[in-house]
Amino acid sequence: MAGFARQSRVHRPTHPVTARRPRPTHRQPRNVWSGTVREVTTAGSRLRVLITSTVAADVVAEITPQAAAELAIADGARVWCSIKATEITLVTL
């Protein structure tokens, strides 16, 4: 993978990214990391949540306003992100 770093970009749509407050306990997806909510914006009837991390690339998760309220999603909130490996595409530049 290191050889692709300068010539590639990882692409994934926002819908397969999940954001949770407690760490997920299920076995899949295997790509799970913690992050911090940096921005919440409205996108139609959904919210886009920008999550930054020191261990992974920034991601954007799309969630419903109801989910945001239930999870207390707000700027600065610590969350767990997960995404299935099959939802990630390596795009050569």
Protein backbone atom coordinates (compact mmCIF):
# COMPACT_ATOMS: atom_id res chain seq x y z
CA MET A 1 0.00 0.00 0.00
CA ALA A 2 2.89 2.39 0.68
CA GLY A 3 3.76 2.47 -3.02
CA PHE A 4 0.31 3.84 -3.82
CA ALA A 5 0.45 6.74 -1.34
CA ARG A 6 1.59 9.41 -3.82
CA GLN A 7 -0.52 8.22 -6.72
CA SER A 8 -3.79 7.25 -5.08
CA ARG A 9 -6.67 8.43 -2.99
CA VAL A 10 -8.98 6.40 -0.80
CA HIS A 11 -12.61 7.00 -1.70
CA ARG A 12 -15.65 5.95 0.27
CA PRO A 13 -19.18 7.30 0.23
CA THR A 14 -20.54 8.82 3.46
CA HIS A 15 -23.44 6.40 3.95
CA PRO A 16 -21.46 3.30 5.05
CA VAL A 17 -19.61 5.19 7.82
CA THR A 18 -21.16 4.66 11.25
CA ALA A 19 -20.66 6.84 14.31
CA ARG A 20 -21.36 5.50 17.79
CA ARG A 21 -20.77 6.70 21.34
CA PRO A 22 -19.82 3.39 22.95
CA ARG A 23 -17.19 1.30 21.17
CA PRO A 24 -18.90 -1.18 18.83
CA THR A 25 -18.76 -4.72 20.19
CA HIS A 26 -19.72 -6.57 17.02
CA ARG A 27 -17.07 -8.35 14.98
CA GLN A 28 -17.67 -6.57 11.68
CA PRO A 29 -16.79 -4.17 10.27
CA ARG A 30 -13.19 -4.60 11.32
CA ASN A 31 -12.13 -1.03 10.62
CA VAL A 32 -13.01 0.69 13.91
CA TRP A 33 -11.33 3.73 15.43
CA SER A 34 -12.10 6.57 17.82
CA GLY A 35 -12.45 10.17 16.75
CA THR A 36 -13.79 13.58 17.67
CA VAL A 37 -16.75 15.36 16.07
CA ARG A 38 -15.45 18.58 14.51
CA GLU A 39 -18.48 19.78 12.56
CA VAL A 40 -22.14 18.95 12.09
CA THR A 41 -23.92 20.33 9.00
CA THR A 42 -27.36 19.84 7.51
CA ALA A 43 -27.66 17.95 4.20
CA GLY A 44 -31.34 17.81 3.31
CA SER A 45 -33.10 15.63 5.88
CA ARG A 46 -29.83 14.23 7.22
CA LEU A 47 -26.82 15.56 9.09
CA ARG A 48 -23.22 15.27 7.94
CA VAL A 49 -20.80 14.74 10.78
CA LEU A 50 -17.10 15.46 10.22
CA ILE A 51 -15.00 13.23 12.47
CA THR A 52 -11.26 13.69 12.92
CA SER A 53 -8.79 11.26 14.45
CA THR A 54 -5.10 10.94 15.18
CA VAL A 55 -5.11 7.33 13.96
CA ALA A 56 -7.12 7.52 10.72
CA ALA A 57 -8.12 9.89 7.95
CA ASP A 58 -10.96 12.34 8.56
CA VAL A 59 -14.35 10.87 7.70
CA VAL A 60 -17.86 12.19 7.18
CA ALA A 61 -20.80 10.17 8.44
CA GLU A 62 -24.39 10.90 7.41
CA ILE A 63 -26.90 10.37 10.19
CA THR A 64 -30.47 11.35 10.97
CA PRO A 65 -31.28 14.20 13.36
CA GLN A 66 -32.91 11.60 15.62
CA ALA A 67 -29.69 9.56 15.77
CA ALA A 68 -27.70 12.73 16.51
CA ALA A 69 -30.01 13.55 19.41
CA GLU A 70 -29.92 9.98 20.80
CA LEU A 71 -26.12 9.84 20.58
CA ALA A 72 -25.61 13.44 21.79
CA ILE A 73 -23.58 14.20 18.67
CA ALA A 74 -22.12 17.71 18.86
CA ASP A 75 -18.82 19.46 18.21
CA GLY A 76 -16.17 17.96 20.48
CA ALA A 77 -18.03 14.71 21.21
CA ARG A 78 -15.88 11.57 21.24
CA VAL A 79 -17.27 8.85 18.97
CA TRP A 80 -16.31 5.51 17.49
CA CYS A 81 -16.28 5.19 13.70
CA SER A 82 -16.54 2.03 11.69
CA ILE A 83 -16.66 1.15 8.02
CA LYS A 84 -16.64 -2.10 6.10
CA ALA A 85 -13.48 -2.64 4.07
CA THR A 86 -15.60 -3.50 1.03
CA GLU A 87 -16.97 0.07 1.04
CA ILE A 88 -13.52 1.58 0.47
CA THR A 89 -12.16 2.07 -3.02
CA LEU A 90 -8.57 2.95 -3.87
CA VAL A 91 -8.57 5.42 -6.76
CA THR A 92 -5.37 5.89 -8.73
CA LEU A 93 -4.63 9.53 -9.52
